[in-house]
Structure formats: C-alpha cells, structure tokens
PDB file of N, CA and C in Angstrom:
ATOM      1  N   UNK A   1     -64.008  11.458 144.604  1.00  0.00           N
ATOM      2  CA  UNK A   1     -64.261  11.591 143.195  1.00  0.00           C
ATOM      3  C   UNK A   1     -64.478  13.069 142.870  1.00  0.00           C
ATOM      4  N   UNK A   2     -63.869  13.522 141.809  1.00  0.00           N
ATOM      5  CA  UNK A   2     -63.973  14.919 141.415  1.00  0.00           C
ATOM      6  C   UNK A   2     -65.184  15.136 140.512  1.00  0.00           C
ATOM      7  N   UNK A   3     -65.751  16.324 140.593  1.00  0.00           N
ATOM      8  CA  UNK A   3     -66.899  16.686 139.775  1.00  0.00           C
ATOM      9  C   UNK A   3     -66.555  17.931 138.968  1.00  0.00           C
ATOM     10  N   UNK A   4     -66.942  17.933 137.694  1.00  0.00           N
ATOM     11  CA  UNK A   4     -66.703  19.089 136.840  1.00  0.00           C
ATOM     12  C   UNK A   4     -67.980  19.435 136.087  1.00  0.00           C
ATOM     13  N   UNK A   5     -68.150  20.712 135.838  1.00  0.00           N
ATOM     14  CA  UNK A   5     -69.300  21.191 135.072  1.00  0.00           C
ATOM     15  C   UNK A   5     -68.820  21.814 133.771  1.00  0.00           C
ATOM     16  N   UNK A   6     -69.542  21.536 132.708  1.00  0.00           N
ATOM     17  CA  UNK A   6     -69.296  22.163 131.416  1.00  0.00           C
ATOM     18  C   UNK A   6     -70.584  22.844 130.980  1.00  0.00           C
ATOM     19  N   UNK A   7     -70.454  23.990 130.338  1.00  0.00           N
ATOM     20  CA  UNK A   7     -71.615  24.683 129.772  1.00  0.00           C
ATOM     21  C   UNK A   7     -71.522  24.597 128.257  1.00  0.00           C
ATOM     22  N   UNK A   8     -72.659  24.402 127.603  1.00  0.00           N
ATOM     23  CA  UNK A   8     -72.719  24.307 126.147  1.00  0.00           C
ATOM     24  C   UNK A   8     -73.569  25.429 125.584  1.00  0.00           C
ATOM     25  N   UNK A   9     -73.275  25.747 124.340  1.00  0.00           N
ATOM     26  CA  UNK A   9     -74.116  26.646 123.561  1.00  0.00           C
ATOM     27  C   UNK A   9     -74.199  26.033 122.170  1.00  0.00           C
ATOM     28  N   UNK A  10     -75.407  25.778 121.689  1.00  0.00           N
ATOM     29  CA  UNK A  10     -75.572  25.253 120.344  1.00  0.00           C
ATOM     30  C   UNK A  10     -76.039  23.816 120.254  1.00  0.00           C
ATOM     31  N   UNK A  11     -76.278  23.152 121.376  1.00  0.00           N
ATOM     32  CA  UNK A  11     -76.824  21.790 121.342  1.00  0.00           C
ATOM     33  C   UNK A  11     -78.312  21.914 121.026  1.00  0.00           C
ATOM     34  N   UNK A  12     -78.740  21.261 119.947  1.00  0.00           N
ATOM     35  CA  UNK A  12     -80.105  21.481 119.471  1.00  0.00           C
ATOM     36  C   UNK A  12     -81.041  20.290 119.588  1.00  0.00           C
ATOM     37  N   UNK A  13     -80.499  19.070 119.745  1.00  0.00           N
ATOM     38  CA  UNK A  13     -81.409  17.920 119.773  1.00  0.00           C
ATOM     39  C   UNK A  13     -80.862  16.768 120.606  1.00  0.00           C
ATOM     40  N   UNK A  14     -81.707  15.764 120.786  1.00  0.00           N
ATOM     41  CA  UNK A  14     -81.356  14.608 121.621  1.00  0.00           C
ATOM     42  C   UNK A  14     -80.204  13.805 121.029  1.00  0.00           C
ATOM     43  N   UNK A  15     -80.095  13.760 119.704  1.00  0.00           N
ATOM     44  CA  UNK A  15     -78.995  13.034 119.077  1.00  0.00           C
ATOM     45  C   UNK A  15     -77.652  13.625 119.499  1.00  0.00           C
ATOM     46  N   UNK A  16     -77.552  14.946 119.511  1.00  0.00           N
ATOM     47  CA  UNK A  16     -76.308  15.587 119.937  1.00  0.00           C
ATOM     48  C   UNK A  16     -76.027  15.304 121.409  1.00  0.00           C
ATOM     49  N   UNK A  17     -77.046  15.341 122.246  1.00  0.00           N
ATOM     50  CA  UNK A  17     -76.879  15.026 123.668  1.00  0.00           C
ATOM     51  C   UNK A  17     -76.347  13.604 123.819  1.00  0.00           C
ATOM     52  N   UNK A  18     -76.914  12.660 123.068  1.00  0.00           N
ATOM     53  CA  UNK A  18     -76.466  11.270 123.134  1.00  0.00           C
ATOM     54  C   UNK A  18     -75.032  11.109 122.652  1.00  0.00           C
ATOM     55  N   UNK A  19     -74.667  11.797 121.587  1.00  0.00           N
ATOM     56  CA  UNK A  19     -73.296  11.714 121.069  1.00  0.00           C
ATOM     57  C   UNK A  19     -72.297  12.278 122.069  1.00  0.00           C
ATOM     58  N   UNK A  20     -72.642  13.386 122.707  1.00  0.00           N
ATOM     59  CA  UNK A  20     -71.765  13.979 123.721  1.00  0.00           C
ATOM     60  C   UNK A  20     -71.628  13.037 124.914  1.00  0.00           C
ATOM     61  N   UNK A  21     -72.750  12.478 125.359  1.00  0.00           N
ATOM     62  CA  UNK A  21     -72.726  11.549 126.487  1.00  0.00           C
ATOM     63  C   UNK A  21     -71.799  10.373 126.199  1.00  0.00           C
ATOM     64  N   UNK A  22     -71.938   9.777 125.028  1.00  0.00           N
ATOM     65  CA  UNK A  22     -71.106   8.631 124.651  1.00  0.00           C
ATOM     66  C   UNK A  22     -69.635   9.015 124.592  1.00  0.00           C
ATOM     67  N   UNK A  23     -69.329  10.155 123.983  1.00  0.00           N
ATOM     68  CA  UNK A  23     -67.934  10.591 123.863  1.00  0.00           C
ATOM     69  C   UNK A  23     -67.299  10.802 125.228  1.00  0.00           C
ATOM     70  N   UNK A  24     -68.031  11.400 126.152  1.00  0.00           N
ATOM     71  CA  UNK A  24     -67.481  11.655 127.484  1.00  0.00           C
ATOM     72  C   UNK A  24     -67.331  10.365 128.285  1.00  0.00           C
ATOM     73  N   UNK A  25     -68.295   9.466 128.190  1.00  0.00           N
ATOM     74  CA  UNK A  25     -68.233   8.207 128.935  1.00  0.00           C
ATOM     75  C   UNK A  25     -67.087   7.314 128.468  1.00  0.00           C
ATOM     76  N   UNK A  26     -66.645   7.474 127.237  1.00  0.00           N
ATOM     77  CA  UNK A  26     -65.558   6.653 126.705  1.00  0.00           C
ATOM     78  C   UNK A  26     -64.186   7.084 127.218  1.00  0.00           C
ATOM     79  N   UNK A  27     -64.101   8.251 127.827  1.00  0.00           N
ATOM     80  CA  UNK A  27     -62.814   8.741 128.324  1.00  0.00           C
ATOM     81  C   UNK A  27     -62.393   7.982 129.579  1.00  0.00           C
ATOM     82  N   UNK A  28     -61.099   7.657 129.647  1.00  0.00           N
ATOM     83  CA  UNK A  28     -60.554   7.033 130.852  1.00  0.00           C
ATOM     84  C   UNK A  28     -60.706   7.983 132.026  1.00  0.00           C
ATOM     85  N   UNK A  29     -61.157   7.461 133.132  1.00  0.00           N
ATOM     86  CA  UNK A  29     -61.286   8.255 134.344  1.00  0.00           C
ATOM     87  C   UNK A  29     -62.674   8.802 134.594  1.00  0.00           C
ATOM     88  N   UNK A  30     -63.555   8.735 133.593  1.00  0.00           N
ATOM     89  CA  UNK A  30     -64.923   9.227 133.764  1.00  0.00           C
ATOM     90  C   UNK A  30     -65.766   8.120 134.392  1.00  0.00           C
ATOM     91  N   UNK A  31     -66.406   8.437 135.517  1.00  0.00           N
ATOM     92  CA  UNK A  31     -67.262   7.472 136.209  1.00  0.00           C
ATOM     93  C   UNK A  31     -68.730   7.631 135.841  1.00  0.00           C
ATOM     94  N   UNK A  32     -69.186   8.871 135.699  1.00  0.00           N
ATOM     95  CA  UNK A  32     -70.578   9.112 135.314  1.00  0.00           C
ATOM     96  C   UNK A  32     -70.703  10.475 134.651  1.00  0.00           C
ATOM     97  N   UNK A  33     -71.734  10.590 133.822  1.00  0.00           N
ATOM     98  CA  UNK A  33     -71.973  11.821 133.063  1.00  0.00           C
ATOM     99  C   UNK A  33     -73.472  12.076 133.014  1.00  0.00           C
ATOM    100  N   UNK A  34     -73.859  13.321 133.223  1.00  0.00           N
ATOM    101  CA  UNK A  34     -75.233  13.761 132.991  1.00  0.00           C
ATOM    102  C   UNK A  34     -75.153  14.916 132.008  1.00  0.00           C
ATOM    103  N   UNK A  35     -75.727  14.722 130.833  1.00  0.00           N
ATOM    104  CA  UNK A  35     -75.644  15.724 129.772  1.00  0.00           C
ATOM    105  C   UNK A  35     -77.037  16.219 129.430  1.00  0.00           C
ATOM    106  N   UNK A  36     -77.150  17.523 129.242  1.00  0.00           N
ATOM    107  CA  UNK A  36     -78.382  18.151 128.789  1.00  0.00           C
ATOM    108  C   UNK A  36     -78.060  19.113 127.662  1.00  0.00           C
ATOM    109  N   UNK A  37     -79.044  19.838 127.207  1.00  0.00           N
ATOM    110  CA  UNK A  37     -78.828  20.774 126.096  1.00  0.00           C
ATOM    111  C   UNK A  37     -77.941  21.947 126.464  1.00  0.00           C
ATOM    112  N   UNK A  38     -77.825  22.250 127.753  1.00  0.00           N
ATOM    113  CA  UNK A  38     -77.072  23.438 128.154  1.00  0.00           C
ATOM    114  C   UNK A  38     -75.797  23.134 128.920  1.00  0.00           C
ATOM    115  N   UNK A  39     -75.502  21.841 129.127  1.00  0.00           N
ATOM    116  CA  UNK A  39     -74.271  21.534 129.839  1.00  0.00           C
ATOM    117  C   UNK A  39     -74.180  20.098 130.291  1.00  0.00           C
ATOM    118  N   UNK A  40     -73.095  19.821 131.021  1.00  0.00           N
ATOM    119  CA  UNK A  40     -72.857  18.464 131.519  1.00  0.00           C
ATOM    120  C   UNK A  40     -72.230  18.519 132.897  1.00  0.00           C
ATOM    121  N   UNK A  41     -72.547  17.512 133.687  1.00  0.00           N
ATOM    122  CA  UNK A  41     -71.907  17.279 134.978  1.00  0.00           C
ATOM    123  C   UNK A  41     -71.141  15.971 134.835  1.00  0.00           C
ATOM    124  N   UNK A  42     -69.840  16.018 135.104  1.00  0.00           N
ATOM    125  CA  UNK A  42     -68.989  14.848 134.925  1.00  0.00           C
ATOM    126  C   UNK A  42     -68.360  14.483 136.261  1.00  0.00           C
ATOM    127  N   UNK A  43     -68.477  13.202 136.633  1.00  0.00           N
ATOM    128  CA  UNK A  43     -67.857  12.681 137.847  1.00  0.00           C
ATOM    129  C   UNK A  43     -66.695  11.791 137.440  1.00  0.00           C
ATOM    130  N   UNK A  44     -65.560  11.967 138.094  1.00  0.00           N
ATOM    131  CA  UNK A  44     -64.408  11.114 137.829  1.00  0.00           C
ATOM    132  C   UNK A  44     -63.122  11.909 137.836  1.00  0.00           C
ATOM    133  N   UNK A  45     -62.061  11.199 137.575  1.00  0.00           N
ATOM    134  CA  UNK A  45     -60.730  11.806 137.549  1.00  0.00           C
ATOM    135  C   UNK A  45     -60.292  11.972 136.094  1.00  0.00           C
ATOM    136  N   UNK A  46     -60.650  13.087 135.530  1.00  0.00           N
ATOM    137  CA  UNK A  46     -60.309  13.381 134.140  1.00  0.00           C
ATOM    138  C   UNK A  46     -60.089  14.882 134.016  1.00  0.00           C
ATOM    139  N   UNK A  47     -59.150  15.246 133.153  1.00  0.00           N
ATOM    140  CA  UNK A  47     -58.841  16.673 132.975  1.00  0.00           C
ATOM    141  C   UNK A  47     -59.915  17.358 132.132  1.00  0.00           C
ATOM    142  N   UNK A  48     -60.190  18.595 132.480  1.00  0.00           N
ATOM    143  CA  UNK A  48     -61.185  19.384 131.750  1.00  0.00           C
ATOM    144  C   UNK A  48     -60.830  19.470 130.262  1.00  0.00           C
ATOM    145  N   UNK A  49     -59.544  19.618 129.973  1.00  0.00           N
ATOM    146  CA  UNK A  49     -59.101  19.718 128.578  1.00  0.00           C
ATOM    147  C   UNK A  49     -59.494  18.474 127.785  1.00  0.00           C
ATOM    148  N   UNK A  50     -59.416  17.307 128.418  1.00  0.00           N
ATOM    149  CA  UNK A  50     -59.787  16.059 127.743  1.00  0.00           C
ATOM    150  C   UNK A  50     -61.283  16.033 127.447  1.00  0.00           C
ATOM    151  N   UNK A  51     -62.086  16.549 128.363  1.00  0.00           N
ATOM    152  CA  UNK A  51     -63.534  16.610 128.152  1.00  0.00           C
ATOM    153  C   UNK A  51     -63.868  17.508 126.963  1.00  0.00           C
ATOM    154  N   UNK A  52     -63.259  18.687 126.941  1.00  0.00           N
ATOM    155  CA  UNK A  52     -63.515  19.649 125.865  1.00  0.00           C
ATOM    156  C   UNK A  52     -63.064  19.074 124.524  1.00  0.00           C
ATOM    157  N   UNK A  53     -61.873  18.451 124.482  1.00  0.00           N
ATOM    158  CA  UNK A  53     -61.372  17.866 123.233  1.00  0.00           C
ATOM    159  C   UNK A  53     -62.293  16.775 122.715  1.00  0.00           C
ATOM    160  N   UNK A  54     -62.820  15.955 123.616  1.00  0.00           N
ATOM    161  CA  UNK A  54     -63.723  14.874 123.207  1.00  0.00           C
ATOM    162  C   UNK A  54     -64.979  15.439 122.549  1.00  0.00           C
ATOM    163  N   UNK A  55     -65.494  16.530 123.082  1.00  0.00           N
ATOM    164  CA  UNK A  55     -66.689  17.152 122.501  1.00  0.00           C
ATOM    165  C   UNK A  55     -66.348  17.817 121.172  1.00  0.00           C
ATOM    166  N   UNK A  56     -65.237  18.529 121.120  1.00  0.00           N
ATOM    167  CA  UNK A  56     -64.835  19.194 119.879  1.00  0.00           C
ATOM    168  C   UNK A  56     -64.567  18.185 118.767  1.00  0.00           C
ATOM    169  N   UNK A  57     -64.060  16.997 119.118  1.00  0.00           N
ATOM    170  CA  UNK A  57     -63.751  15.965 118.127  1.00  0.00           C
ATOM    171  C   UNK A  57     -65.003  15.437 117.423  1.00  0.00           C
ATOM    172  N   UNK A  58     -66.171  15.673 117.998  1.00  0.00           N
ATOM    173  CA  UNK A  58     -67.420  15.236 117.375  1.00  0.00           C
ATOM    174  C   UNK A  58     -67.751  16.053 116.132  1.00  0.00           C
ATOM    175  N   UNK A  59     -67.153  17.231 115.992  1.00  0.00           N
ATOM    176  CA  UNK A  59     -67.378  18.064 114.819  1.00  0.00           C
ATOM    177  C   UNK A  59     -68.727  18.762 114.795  1.00  0.00           C
ATOM    178  N   UNK A  60     -69.343  18.913 115.955  1.00  0.00           N
ATOM    179  CA  UNK A  60     -70.621  19.614 116.045  1.00  0.00           C
ATOM    180  C   UNK A  60     -70.371  21.108 116.218  1.00  0.00           C
ATOM    181  N   UNK A  61     -71.338  21.916 115.870  1.00  0.00           N
ATOM    182  CA  UNK A  61     -71.214  23.370 116.031  1.00  0.00           C
ATOM    183  C   UNK A  61     -71.625  23.753 117.447  1.00  0.00           C
ATOM    184  N   UNK A  62     -70.806  23.338 118.409  1.00  0.00           N
ATOM    185  CA  UNK A  62     -71.118  23.565 119.817  1.00  0.00           C
ATOM    186  C   UNK A  62     -69.987  24.349 120.462  1.00  0.00           C
ATOM    187  N   UNK A  63     -70.358  25.364 121.200  1.00  0.00           N
ATOM    188  CA  UNK A  63     -69.386  26.133 121.977  1.00  0.00           C
ATOM    189  C   UNK A  63     -69.378  25.563 123.392  1.00  0.00           C
ATOM    190  N   UNK A  64     -68.183  25.178 123.864  1.00  0.00           N
ATOM    191  CA  UNK A  64     -68.043  24.606 125.205  1.00  0.00           C
ATOM    192  C   UNK A  64     -67.355  25.623 126.088  1.00  0.00           C
ATOM    193  N   UNK A  65     -67.939  25.864 127.265  1.00  0.00           N
ATOM    194  CA  UNK A  65     -67.358  26.825 128.210  1.00  0.00           C
ATOM    195  C   UNK A  65     -66.948  26.089 129.463  1.00  0.00           C
TER     196      UNK A  65
END
C-alpha cells in the first residue's frame, strides 16, 4: 500500500478538517486518511493530483502543497 503526505496552509477549524477527511475518503483507491490542520497522511493507491483536486473542489481557502 502506498502512502502520501500533503501539507496544508489555511485550515482553521475542525469543520474544515472533517470536510477534507470526507472528500479524501470518498476517492477510489483511498484506504485510510489522517487529516490535521497542517496536513494529511493518505494510505492507498490514488494519484496525488486526485487528492489535491478533491480538496480544491471543496472551495475552501486552503493552499495544498
């Protein structure tokens, strides 16, 4: 199983963390996700671009690295 890390800038509250967690878990190939205010650890077979797009689609003012 592959592991990927994402860094965030601009996550301000638990609601945003929950929305990001849900968006990432809904992607095909994602087995598990741990999300915090400063980033996420994703386990599974999914492309990084798909992870970033899922977060950007939420329309939050978050910078993903």
